[in-house]
């Protein structure tokens, strides 16, 4: 870790914020944190660093961590943060949520059944297919049509709202 003083200060601020949230919500609501587990840049956060943060978050009273990171490995590959999630699951003892490229019911079910993660999180597939969960619940386990190319975010950056550009073509 490049700058331990900054890291410690950041963790202290996080701890103070979590304690303030816990005092506010008591145990009526869970506190979830989305944690970047790897930066892939020089002197950036790596898995070991984020595991230290995760331990501190767990000790501070966070109920769950959603494991994420910057960048996409592949447009074809699902679960691009799975290896990092495995490290988190081995090391921390709070609920782990995995986000990142999950597009198929079978994979989502396998990740949870094999206890690699506790929950999965999805976002962009619902932009294209808002009824996807109902489709899966009805027994149609077809893979989501969404491609993780971030095209849906381009319209949002232009101020015209987030929408699936592939679907509208």
N, C-alpha and C. Protein backbone atom coordinates (compact mmCIF):
# COMPACT_ATOMS: atom_id res chain seq x y z
N UNK A 1 0.85 -1.17 0.00
CA UNK A 1 0.00 0.00 0.00
C UNK A 1 0.89 1.23 0.00
N UNK A 2 0.70 2.08 -0.98
CA UNK A 2 1.59 3.20 -1.23
C UNK A 2 1.65 4.19 -0.07
N UNK A 3 0.53 4.60 0.46
CA UNK A 3 0.52 5.64 1.48
C UNK A 3 -0.33 5.18 2.66
N UNK A 4 0.32 4.59 3.65
CA UNK A 4 -0.38 4.01 4.79
C UNK A 4 -1.09 5.08 5.63
N UNK A 5 -0.53 6.28 5.71
CA UNK A 5 -1.17 7.34 6.49
C UNK A 5 -2.51 7.70 5.86
N UNK A 6 -2.53 7.89 4.56
CA UNK A 6 -3.77 8.21 3.87
C UNK A 6 -4.77 7.07 4.00
N UNK A 7 -4.28 5.84 3.87
CA UNK A 7 -5.15 4.66 4.00
C UNK A 7 -5.78 4.64 5.39
N UNK A 8 -4.98 4.82 6.42
CA UNK A 8 -5.50 4.80 7.79
C UNK A 8 -6.51 5.92 8.02
N UNK A 9 -6.19 7.10 7.52
CA UNK A 9 -7.12 8.23 7.67
C UNK A 9 -8.44 7.95 6.95
N UNK A 10 -8.34 7.40 5.75
CA UNK A 10 -9.54 7.07 4.98
C UNK A 10 -10.38 6.05 5.73
N UNK A 11 -9.72 5.02 6.27
CA UNK A 11 -10.46 4.00 7.02
C UNK A 11 -11.10 4.58 8.27
N UNK A 12 -10.42 5.52 8.93
CA UNK A 12 -11.00 6.16 10.11
C UNK A 12 -12.23 6.97 9.74
N UNK A 13 -12.17 7.65 8.60
CA UNK A 13 -13.33 8.42 8.13
C UNK A 13 -14.48 7.48 7.82
N UNK A 14 -14.17 6.38 7.11
CA UNK A 14 -15.20 5.37 6.82
C UNK A 14 -15.84 4.85 8.10
N UNK A 15 -15.01 4.54 9.07
CA UNK A 15 -15.52 4.02 10.34
C UNK A 15 -16.44 5.04 11.02
N UNK A 16 -16.04 6.29 11.03
CA UNK A 16 -16.88 7.33 11.63
C UNK A 16 -18.21 7.45 10.90
N UNK A 17 -18.16 7.40 9.56
CA UNK A 17 -19.39 7.49 8.78
C UNK A 17 -20.31 6.31 9.06
N UNK A 18 -19.74 5.12 9.12
CA UNK A 18 -20.55 3.92 9.38
C UNK A 18 -21.16 3.98 10.76
N UNK A 19 -20.39 4.42 11.74
CA UNK A 19 -20.93 4.54 13.10
C UNK A 19 -22.08 5.55 13.14
N UNK A 20 -21.94 6.66 12.41
CA UNK A 20 -23.01 7.65 12.36
C UNK A 20 -24.26 7.07 11.68
N UNK A 21 -24.06 6.33 10.61
CA UNK A 21 -25.20 5.69 9.94
C UNK A 21 -25.87 4.69 10.87
N UNK A 22 -25.08 3.90 11.56
CA UNK A 22 -25.64 2.88 12.45
C UNK A 22 -26.44 3.53 13.57
N UNK A 23 -25.94 4.65 14.10
CA UNK A 23 -26.70 5.36 15.14
C UNK A 23 -28.03 5.85 14.59
N UNK A 24 -28.04 6.25 13.33
CA UNK A 24 -29.25 6.78 12.71
C UNK A 24 -30.26 5.69 12.40
N UNK A 25 -29.81 4.61 11.79
CA UNK A 25 -30.75 3.57 11.35
C UNK A 25 -30.88 2.43 12.36
N UNK A 26 -30.04 2.45 13.39
CA UNK A 26 -29.98 1.39 14.40
C UNK A 26 -29.90 0.06 13.65
N UNK A 27 -30.81 -0.85 13.92
CA UNK A 27 -30.82 -2.12 13.19
C UNK A 27 -32.06 -2.25 12.30
N UNK A 28 -32.69 -1.11 12.01
CA UNK A 28 -33.89 -1.13 11.17
C UNK A 28 -33.55 -1.37 9.70
N UNK A 29 -32.36 -0.95 9.29
CA UNK A 29 -31.94 -1.08 7.90
C UNK A 29 -30.50 -1.61 7.85
N UNK A 30 -30.24 -2.46 6.87
CA UNK A 30 -28.85 -2.91 6.73
C UNK A 30 -27.99 -1.82 6.10
N UNK A 31 -26.72 -1.84 6.42
CA UNK A 31 -25.76 -0.93 5.80
C UNK A 31 -24.93 -1.75 4.83
N UNK A 32 -25.01 -1.40 3.55
CA UNK A 32 -24.28 -2.07 2.50
C UNK A 32 -23.26 -1.11 1.90
N UNK A 33 -22.09 -1.64 1.56
CA UNK A 33 -21.04 -0.83 0.96
C UNK A 33 -20.61 -1.48 -0.35
N UNK A 34 -20.57 -0.69 -1.41
CA UNK A 34 -20.02 -1.16 -2.67
C UNK A 34 -18.54 -0.84 -2.64
N UNK A 35 -17.71 -1.87 -2.69
CA UNK A 35 -16.27 -1.71 -2.52
C UNK A 35 -15.54 -2.13 -3.78
N UNK A 36 -14.78 -1.19 -4.33
CA UNK A 36 -13.91 -1.50 -5.46
C UNK A 36 -12.81 -2.41 -4.94
N UNK A 37 -12.65 -3.56 -5.54
CA UNK A 37 -11.67 -4.52 -5.03
C UNK A 37 -10.35 -4.51 -5.79
N UNK A 38 -10.27 -3.73 -6.86
CA UNK A 38 -9.03 -3.67 -7.61
C UNK A 38 -9.10 -2.53 -8.64
N UNK A 39 -8.02 -1.74 -8.72
CA UNK A 39 -8.00 -0.61 -9.65
C UNK A 39 -7.35 -0.91 -10.99
N UNK A 40 -6.38 -1.81 -11.00
CA UNK A 40 -5.62 -2.11 -12.22
C UNK A 40 -4.88 -0.90 -12.77
N UNK A 41 -4.40 -0.05 -11.86
CA UNK A 41 -3.52 1.05 -12.25
C UNK A 41 -2.34 1.07 -11.29
N UNK A 42 -1.25 1.66 -11.74
CA UNK A 42 -0.05 1.73 -10.90
C UNK A 42 -0.37 2.46 -9.59
N UNK A 43 0.05 1.87 -8.49
CA UNK A 43 -0.19 2.39 -7.14
C UNK A 43 -1.67 2.44 -6.77
N UNK A 44 -2.48 1.73 -7.53
CA UNK A 44 -3.91 1.69 -7.23
C UNK A 44 -4.24 0.61 -6.22
N UNK A 45 -5.47 0.56 -5.85
CA UNK A 45 -5.97 -0.42 -4.91
C UNK A 45 -5.85 -1.82 -5.50
N UNK A 46 -5.37 -2.77 -4.69
CA UNK A 46 -5.34 -4.17 -5.13
C UNK A 46 -6.21 -4.99 -4.19
N UNK A 47 -6.32 -6.29 -4.46
CA UNK A 47 -7.22 -7.14 -3.68
C UNK A 47 -6.81 -7.16 -2.21
N UNK A 48 -5.52 -7.25 -1.92
CA UNK A 48 -5.09 -7.26 -0.52
C UNK A 48 -5.48 -5.98 0.21
N UNK A 49 -5.32 -4.84 -0.48
CA UNK A 49 -5.73 -3.57 0.12
C UNK A 49 -7.22 -3.56 0.41
N UNK A 50 -8.00 -3.98 -0.57
CA UNK A 50 -9.45 -3.92 -0.37
C UNK A 50 -9.92 -4.94 0.66
N UNK A 51 -9.19 -6.05 0.82
CA UNK A 51 -9.53 -6.99 1.90
C UNK A 51 -9.30 -6.34 3.26
N UNK A 52 -8.25 -5.53 3.38
CA UNK A 52 -8.03 -4.80 4.64
C UNK A 52 -9.19 -3.86 4.92
N UNK A 53 -9.63 -3.17 3.87
CA UNK A 53 -10.77 -2.26 4.02
C UNK A 53 -12.01 -3.07 4.39
N UNK A 54 -12.22 -4.20 3.73
CA UNK A 54 -13.39 -5.04 4.01
C UNK A 54 -13.42 -5.51 5.46
N UNK A 55 -12.28 -5.91 5.98
CA UNK A 55 -12.21 -6.31 7.39
C UNK A 55 -12.61 -5.15 8.30
N UNK A 56 -12.10 -3.98 7.98
CA UNK A 56 -12.44 -2.80 8.80
C UNK A 56 -13.92 -2.46 8.69
N UNK A 57 -14.48 -2.60 7.48
CA UNK A 57 -15.91 -2.34 7.31
C UNK A 57 -16.73 -3.34 8.12
N UNK A 58 -16.33 -4.60 8.08
CA UNK A 58 -17.05 -5.63 8.85
C UNK A 58 -16.97 -5.33 10.34
N UNK A 59 -15.79 -4.96 10.81
CA UNK A 59 -15.61 -4.64 12.23
C UNK A 59 -16.38 -3.39 12.64
N UNK A 60 -16.60 -2.50 11.67
CA UNK A 60 -17.34 -1.26 11.96
C UNK A 60 -18.85 -1.48 11.98
N UNK A 61 -19.30 -2.66 11.53
CA UNK A 61 -20.72 -2.95 11.60
C UNK A 61 -21.46 -2.95 10.29
N UNK A 62 -20.74 -2.95 9.16
CA UNK A 62 -21.41 -3.04 7.87
C UNK A 62 -22.06 -4.42 7.75
N UNK A 63 -23.23 -4.48 7.15
CA UNK A 63 -23.95 -5.74 7.02
C UNK A 63 -23.59 -6.53 5.77
N UNK A 64 -23.18 -5.84 4.72
CA UNK A 64 -22.85 -6.52 3.47
C UNK A 64 -21.90 -5.67 2.64
N UNK A 65 -21.11 -6.35 1.82
CA UNK A 65 -20.22 -5.68 0.88
C UNK A 65 -20.55 -6.17 -0.52
N UNK A 66 -20.71 -5.21 -1.43
CA UNK A 66 -20.86 -5.54 -2.84
C UNK A 66 -19.50 -5.37 -3.48
N UNK A 67 -18.94 -6.48 -3.95
CA UNK A 67 -17.60 -6.49 -4.54
C UNK A 67 -17.67 -6.06 -5.99
N UNK A 68 -16.86 -5.07 -6.34
CA UNK A 68 -16.84 -4.54 -7.69
C UNK A 68 -15.41 -4.17 -8.04
N UNK A 69 -15.19 -3.65 -9.20
CA UNK A 69 -13.88 -3.10 -9.58
C UNK A 69 -14.04 -2.31 -10.86
N UNK A 70 -13.00 -1.60 -11.23
CA UNK A 70 -13.04 -0.83 -12.46
C UNK A 70 -12.70 -1.72 -13.64
N UNK A 71 -13.25 -1.44 -14.78
CA UNK A 71 -12.89 -2.15 -16.00
C UNK A 71 -13.69 -3.41 -16.23
N UNK A 72 -13.72 -3.83 -17.47
CA UNK A 72 -14.40 -5.05 -17.88
C UNK A 72 -13.38 -5.95 -18.54
N UNK A 73 -13.38 -7.22 -18.18
CA UNK A 73 -12.46 -8.17 -18.80
C UNK A 73 -12.84 -8.51 -20.23
N UNK A 74 -14.11 -8.74 -20.48
CA UNK A 74 -14.53 -9.28 -21.76
C UNK A 74 -16.00 -9.01 -21.99
N UNK A 75 -16.34 -8.79 -23.24
CA UNK A 75 -17.76 -8.64 -23.57
C UNK A 75 -18.48 -9.98 -23.55
N UNK A 76 -17.74 -11.07 -23.68
CA UNK A 76 -18.36 -12.39 -23.70
C UNK A 76 -18.43 -13.02 -22.32
N UNK A 77 -17.43 -12.78 -21.49
CA UNK A 77 -17.33 -13.45 -20.19
C UNK A 77 -18.30 -12.85 -19.19
N UNK A 78 -18.98 -13.72 -18.47
CA UNK A 78 -19.81 -13.26 -17.35
C UNK A 78 -18.96 -13.26 -16.09
N UNK A 79 -19.49 -12.76 -15.04
CA UNK A 79 -18.91 -12.76 -13.69
C UNK A 79 -17.44 -12.34 -13.67
N UNK A 80 -17.14 -11.17 -14.23
CA UNK A 80 -15.76 -10.77 -14.34
C UNK A 80 -15.10 -10.40 -13.02
N UNK A 81 -15.80 -10.38 -11.94
CA UNK A 81 -15.18 -10.10 -10.64
C UNK A 81 -15.21 -11.32 -9.73
N UNK A 82 -15.44 -12.49 -10.28
CA UNK A 82 -15.61 -13.72 -9.51
C UNK A 82 -14.36 -14.09 -8.71
N UNK A 83 -13.19 -13.98 -9.30
CA UNK A 83 -11.96 -14.33 -8.56
C UNK A 83 -11.76 -13.45 -7.34
N UNK A 84 -12.03 -12.17 -7.50
CA UNK A 84 -11.91 -11.27 -6.35
C UNK A 84 -12.96 -11.62 -5.30
N UNK A 85 -14.16 -11.97 -5.75
CA UNK A 85 -15.22 -12.35 -4.81
C UNK A 85 -14.82 -13.58 -4.00
N UNK A 86 -14.17 -14.53 -4.65
CA UNK A 86 -13.71 -15.72 -3.93
C UNK A 86 -12.75 -15.34 -2.81
N UNK A 87 -11.84 -14.42 -3.08
CA UNK A 87 -10.91 -13.97 -2.04
C UNK A 87 -11.67 -13.31 -0.90
N UNK A 88 -12.66 -12.49 -1.23
CA UNK A 88 -13.46 -11.83 -0.20
C UNK A 88 -14.21 -12.85 0.63
N UNK A 89 -14.80 -13.83 -0.02
CA UNK A 89 -15.61 -14.83 0.68
C UNK A 89 -14.75 -15.65 1.65
N UNK A 90 -13.51 -15.93 1.26
CA UNK A 90 -12.60 -16.66 2.15
C UNK A 90 -12.21 -15.82 3.36
N UNK A 91 -12.10 -14.52 3.19
CA UNK A 91 -11.51 -13.66 4.21
C UNK A 91 -12.49 -12.93 5.12
N UNK A 92 -13.65 -12.58 4.62
CA UNK A 92 -14.56 -11.78 5.45
C UNK A 92 -15.77 -12.61 5.85
N UNK A 93 -16.36 -12.25 6.95
CA UNK A 93 -17.48 -13.03 7.49
C UNK A 93 -18.77 -12.22 7.55
N UNK A 94 -18.99 -11.45 6.49
CA UNK A 94 -20.28 -10.77 6.36
C UNK A 94 -20.83 -11.08 4.98
N UNK A 95 -22.04 -10.70 4.75
CA UNK A 95 -22.71 -10.97 3.49
C UNK A 95 -21.93 -10.37 2.33
N UNK A 96 -21.75 -11.18 1.27
CA UNK A 96 -21.03 -10.74 0.07
C UNK A 96 -21.98 -10.76 -1.13
N UNK A 97 -22.01 -9.64 -1.82
CA UNK A 97 -22.83 -9.48 -3.02
C UNK A 97 -21.88 -9.29 -4.20
N UNK A 98 -22.12 -10.00 -5.29
CA UNK A 98 -21.27 -9.90 -6.47
C UNK A 98 -22.01 -9.21 -7.59
N UNK A 99 -21.35 -8.23 -8.19
CA UNK A 99 -21.87 -7.52 -9.35
C UNK A 99 -20.85 -7.70 -10.47
N UNK A 100 -21.29 -7.53 -11.69
CA UNK A 100 -20.33 -7.52 -12.79
C UNK A 100 -20.53 -8.58 -13.84
N UNK A 101 -21.37 -8.30 -14.82
CA UNK A 101 -21.48 -9.14 -16.00
C UNK A 101 -22.35 -10.36 -15.87
N UNK A 102 -23.03 -10.54 -14.76
CA UNK A 102 -23.87 -11.72 -14.59
C UNK A 102 -25.10 -11.53 -15.48
N UNK A 103 -25.26 -12.46 -16.41
CA UNK A 103 -26.34 -12.35 -17.39
C UNK A 103 -27.22 -13.60 -17.46
N UNK A 104 -26.81 -14.69 -16.80
CA UNK A 104 -27.58 -15.92 -16.92
C UNK A 104 -28.06 -16.42 -15.57
N UNK A 105 -29.26 -16.96 -15.60
CA UNK A 105 -29.88 -17.53 -14.40
C UNK A 105 -29.01 -18.65 -13.85
N UNK A 106 -28.53 -19.51 -14.73
CA UNK A 106 -27.75 -20.67 -14.29
C UNK A 106 -26.50 -20.24 -13.53
N UNK A 107 -25.78 -19.25 -14.03
CA UNK A 107 -24.59 -18.79 -13.35
C UNK A 107 -24.95 -18.16 -12.01
N UNK A 108 -25.97 -17.31 -11.99
CA UNK A 108 -26.38 -16.66 -10.74
C UNK A 108 -26.72 -17.72 -9.69
N UNK A 109 -27.48 -18.72 -10.10
CA UNK A 109 -27.86 -19.79 -9.18
C UNK A 109 -26.64 -20.56 -8.69
N UNK A 110 -25.73 -20.86 -9.58
CA UNK A 110 -24.51 -21.61 -9.24
C UNK A 110 -23.63 -20.83 -8.25
N UNK A 111 -23.47 -19.54 -8.48
CA UNK A 111 -22.66 -18.72 -7.58
C UNK A 111 -23.18 -18.75 -6.15
N UNK A 112 -24.50 -18.70 -6.01
CA UNK A 112 -25.11 -18.70 -4.68
C UNK A 112 -25.13 -20.12 -4.10
N UNK A 113 -25.53 -21.10 -4.90
CA UNK A 113 -25.59 -22.48 -4.40
C UNK A 113 -24.22 -23.00 -3.96
N UNK A 114 -23.16 -22.62 -4.70
CA UNK A 114 -21.80 -23.05 -4.35
C UNK A 114 -21.18 -22.20 -3.24
N UNK A 115 -21.97 -21.26 -2.71
CA UNK A 115 -21.55 -20.37 -1.63
C UNK A 115 -20.30 -19.56 -1.97
N UNK A 116 -20.17 -19.24 -3.27
CA UNK A 116 -19.10 -18.33 -3.67
C UNK A 116 -19.46 -16.91 -3.29
N UNK A 117 -20.75 -16.62 -3.32
CA UNK A 117 -21.29 -15.33 -2.89
C UNK A 117 -22.61 -15.60 -2.19
N UNK A 118 -23.10 -14.58 -1.49
CA UNK A 118 -24.40 -14.72 -0.83
C UNK A 118 -25.55 -14.24 -1.72
N UNK A 119 -25.27 -13.21 -2.50
CA UNK A 119 -26.25 -12.64 -3.41
C UNK A 119 -25.54 -12.17 -4.66
N UNK A 120 -26.31 -11.99 -5.73
CA UNK A 120 -25.77 -11.35 -6.92
C UNK A 120 -26.51 -10.04 -7.12
N UNK A 121 -25.86 -9.14 -7.83
CA UNK A 121 -26.43 -7.83 -8.11
C UNK A 121 -26.36 -7.62 -9.62
N UNK A 122 -27.43 -7.10 -10.17
CA UNK A 122 -27.48 -6.82 -11.60
C UNK A 122 -28.05 -5.43 -11.80
N UNK A 123 -27.69 -4.80 -12.91
CA UNK A 123 -28.23 -3.48 -13.21
C UNK A 123 -28.56 -3.33 -14.69
N UNK A 124 -27.53 -3.30 -15.52
CA UNK A 124 -27.74 -3.00 -16.93
C UNK A 124 -28.69 -3.95 -17.64
N UNK A 125 -28.71 -5.25 -17.32
CA UNK A 125 -29.68 -6.11 -18.00
C UNK A 125 -31.13 -5.62 -17.84
N UNK A 126 -31.42 -4.94 -16.72
CA UNK A 126 -32.78 -4.47 -16.48
C UNK A 126 -33.12 -3.23 -17.30
N UNK A 127 -32.11 -2.55 -17.81
CA UNK A 127 -32.37 -1.41 -18.69
C UNK A 127 -32.97 -1.92 -19.99
N UNK A 128 -32.43 -3.02 -20.49
CA UNK A 128 -32.92 -3.62 -21.73
C UNK A 128 -34.16 -4.49 -21.50
N UNK A 129 -34.15 -5.22 -20.38
CA UNK A 129 -35.22 -6.18 -20.10
C UNK A 129 -35.73 -5.98 -18.66
N UNK A 130 -36.58 -5.00 -18.43
CA UNK A 130 -37.06 -4.76 -17.07
C UNK A 130 -37.80 -5.94 -16.45
N UNK A 131 -38.35 -6.83 -17.26
CA UNK A 131 -39.09 -7.98 -16.74
C UNK A 131 -38.25 -9.24 -16.62
N UNK A 132 -36.94 -9.11 -16.64
CA UNK A 132 -36.06 -10.28 -16.65
C UNK A 132 -36.27 -11.19 -15.44
N UNK A 133 -36.37 -10.64 -14.26
CA UNK A 133 -36.55 -11.47 -13.07
C UNK A 133 -37.88 -12.21 -13.13
N UNK A 134 -38.94 -11.55 -13.57
CA UNK A 134 -40.23 -12.23 -13.73
C UNK A 134 -40.13 -13.34 -14.78
N UNK A 135 -39.38 -13.10 -15.85
CA UNK A 135 -39.16 -14.11 -16.88
C UNK A 135 -38.47 -15.33 -16.27
N UNK A 136 -37.43 -15.10 -15.50
CA UNK A 136 -36.71 -16.21 -14.87
C UNK A 136 -37.61 -16.92 -13.86
N UNK A 137 -38.37 -16.16 -13.09
CA UNK A 137 -39.26 -16.76 -12.09
C UNK A 137 -40.33 -17.63 -12.73
N UNK A 138 -40.72 -17.30 -13.96
CA UNK A 138 -41.75 -18.08 -14.66
C UNK A 138 -41.19 -19.35 -15.28
N UNK A 139 -39.86 -19.53 -15.18
CA UNK A 139 -39.25 -20.75 -15.72
C UNK A 139 -38.47 -20.54 -17.00
N UNK A 140 -38.59 -19.38 -17.62
CA UNK A 140 -37.81 -19.08 -18.83
C UNK A 140 -36.46 -18.53 -18.39
N UNK A 141 -35.45 -19.37 -18.43
CA UNK A 141 -34.13 -19.00 -17.93
C UNK A 141 -33.19 -18.54 -19.05
N UNK A 142 -33.76 -17.98 -20.10
CA UNK A 142 -32.94 -17.46 -21.20
C UNK A 142 -31.98 -16.40 -20.67
N UNK A 143 -30.78 -16.42 -21.21
CA UNK A 143 -29.75 -15.45 -20.81
C UNK A 143 -30.20 -14.04 -21.19
N UNK A 144 -29.86 -13.09 -20.34
CA UNK A 144 -30.17 -11.69 -20.62
C UNK A 144 -29.55 -11.28 -21.95
N UNK A 145 -30.24 -10.44 -22.68
CA UNK A 145 -29.77 -9.99 -23.99
C UNK A 145 -28.72 -8.89 -23.90
N UNK A 146 -28.61 -8.26 -22.76
CA UNK A 146 -27.71 -7.13 -22.56
C UNK A 146 -26.25 -7.51 -22.84
N UNK A 147 -25.56 -6.63 -23.54
CA UNK A 147 -24.12 -6.76 -23.76
C UNK A 147 -23.42 -5.71 -22.90
N UNK A 148 -22.41 -6.09 -22.14
CA UNK A 148 -21.75 -5.14 -21.22
C UNK A 148 -20.79 -4.19 -21.94
N UNK A 149 -21.35 -3.38 -22.84
CA UNK A 149 -20.51 -2.46 -23.59
C UNK A 149 -20.68 -1.01 -23.14
N UNK A 150 -21.51 -0.79 -22.14
CA UNK A 150 -21.77 0.54 -21.57
C UNK A 150 -22.44 1.51 -22.54
N UNK A 151 -22.94 1.01 -23.66
CA UNK A 151 -23.62 1.90 -24.61
C UNK A 151 -24.81 2.59 -23.97
N UNK A 152 -25.48 1.91 -23.04
CA UNK A 152 -26.65 2.48 -22.39
C UNK A 152 -26.31 3.72 -21.57
N UNK A 153 -25.06 3.85 -21.18
CA UNK A 153 -24.65 5.00 -20.36
C UNK A 153 -24.36 6.24 -21.20
N UNK A 154 -24.12 6.06 -22.50
CA UNK A 154 -23.78 7.20 -23.37
C UNK A 154 -24.90 8.23 -23.39
N UNK A 155 -26.13 7.77 -23.50
CA UNK A 155 -27.25 8.72 -23.52
C UNK A 155 -27.38 9.41 -22.17
N UNK A 156 -27.08 8.69 -21.10
CA UNK A 156 -27.14 9.31 -19.77
C UNK A 156 -26.10 10.41 -19.61
N UNK A 157 -24.93 10.18 -20.16
CA UNK A 157 -23.87 11.20 -20.09
C UNK A 157 -24.22 12.43 -20.92
N UNK A 158 -25.06 12.23 -21.92
CA UNK A 158 -25.50 13.36 -22.75
C UNK A 158 -26.67 14.09 -22.12
N UNK A 159 -27.20 13.52 -21.03
CA UNK A 159 -28.32 14.15 -20.35
C UNK A 159 -29.68 13.76 -20.90
N UNK A 160 -29.72 12.73 -21.71
CA UNK A 160 -31.00 12.32 -22.30
C UNK A 160 -31.58 11.07 -21.65
N UNK A 161 -31.02 10.66 -20.53
CA UNK A 161 -31.53 9.51 -19.80
C UNK A 161 -30.84 8.22 -20.19
N UNK A 162 -30.73 7.33 -19.24
CA UNK A 162 -30.10 6.03 -19.49
C UNK A 162 -31.12 5.14 -20.17
N UNK A 163 -30.74 4.56 -21.30
CA UNK A 163 -31.63 3.65 -22.01
C UNK A 163 -30.79 2.71 -22.87
N UNK A 164 -31.37 1.62 -23.25
CA UNK A 164 -30.68 0.65 -24.09
C UNK A 164 -30.66 1.16 -25.52
N UNK A 165 -29.48 1.43 -26.03
CA UNK A 165 -29.35 1.92 -27.40
C UNK A 165 -29.45 0.78 -28.41
N UNK A 166 -29.11 -0.42 -28.00
CA UNK A 166 -29.23 -1.57 -28.89
C UNK A 166 -30.69 -1.85 -29.16
N UNK A 167 -31.50 -1.83 -28.12
CA UNK A 167 -32.94 -2.12 -28.24
C UNK A 167 -33.66 -1.08 -29.08
N UNK A 168 -33.20 0.16 -28.99
CA UNK A 168 -33.90 1.24 -29.70
C UNK A 168 -33.48 1.36 -31.15
N UNK A 169 -32.47 0.58 -31.57
CA UNK A 169 -32.01 0.65 -32.96
C UNK A 169 -32.96 -0.09 -33.86
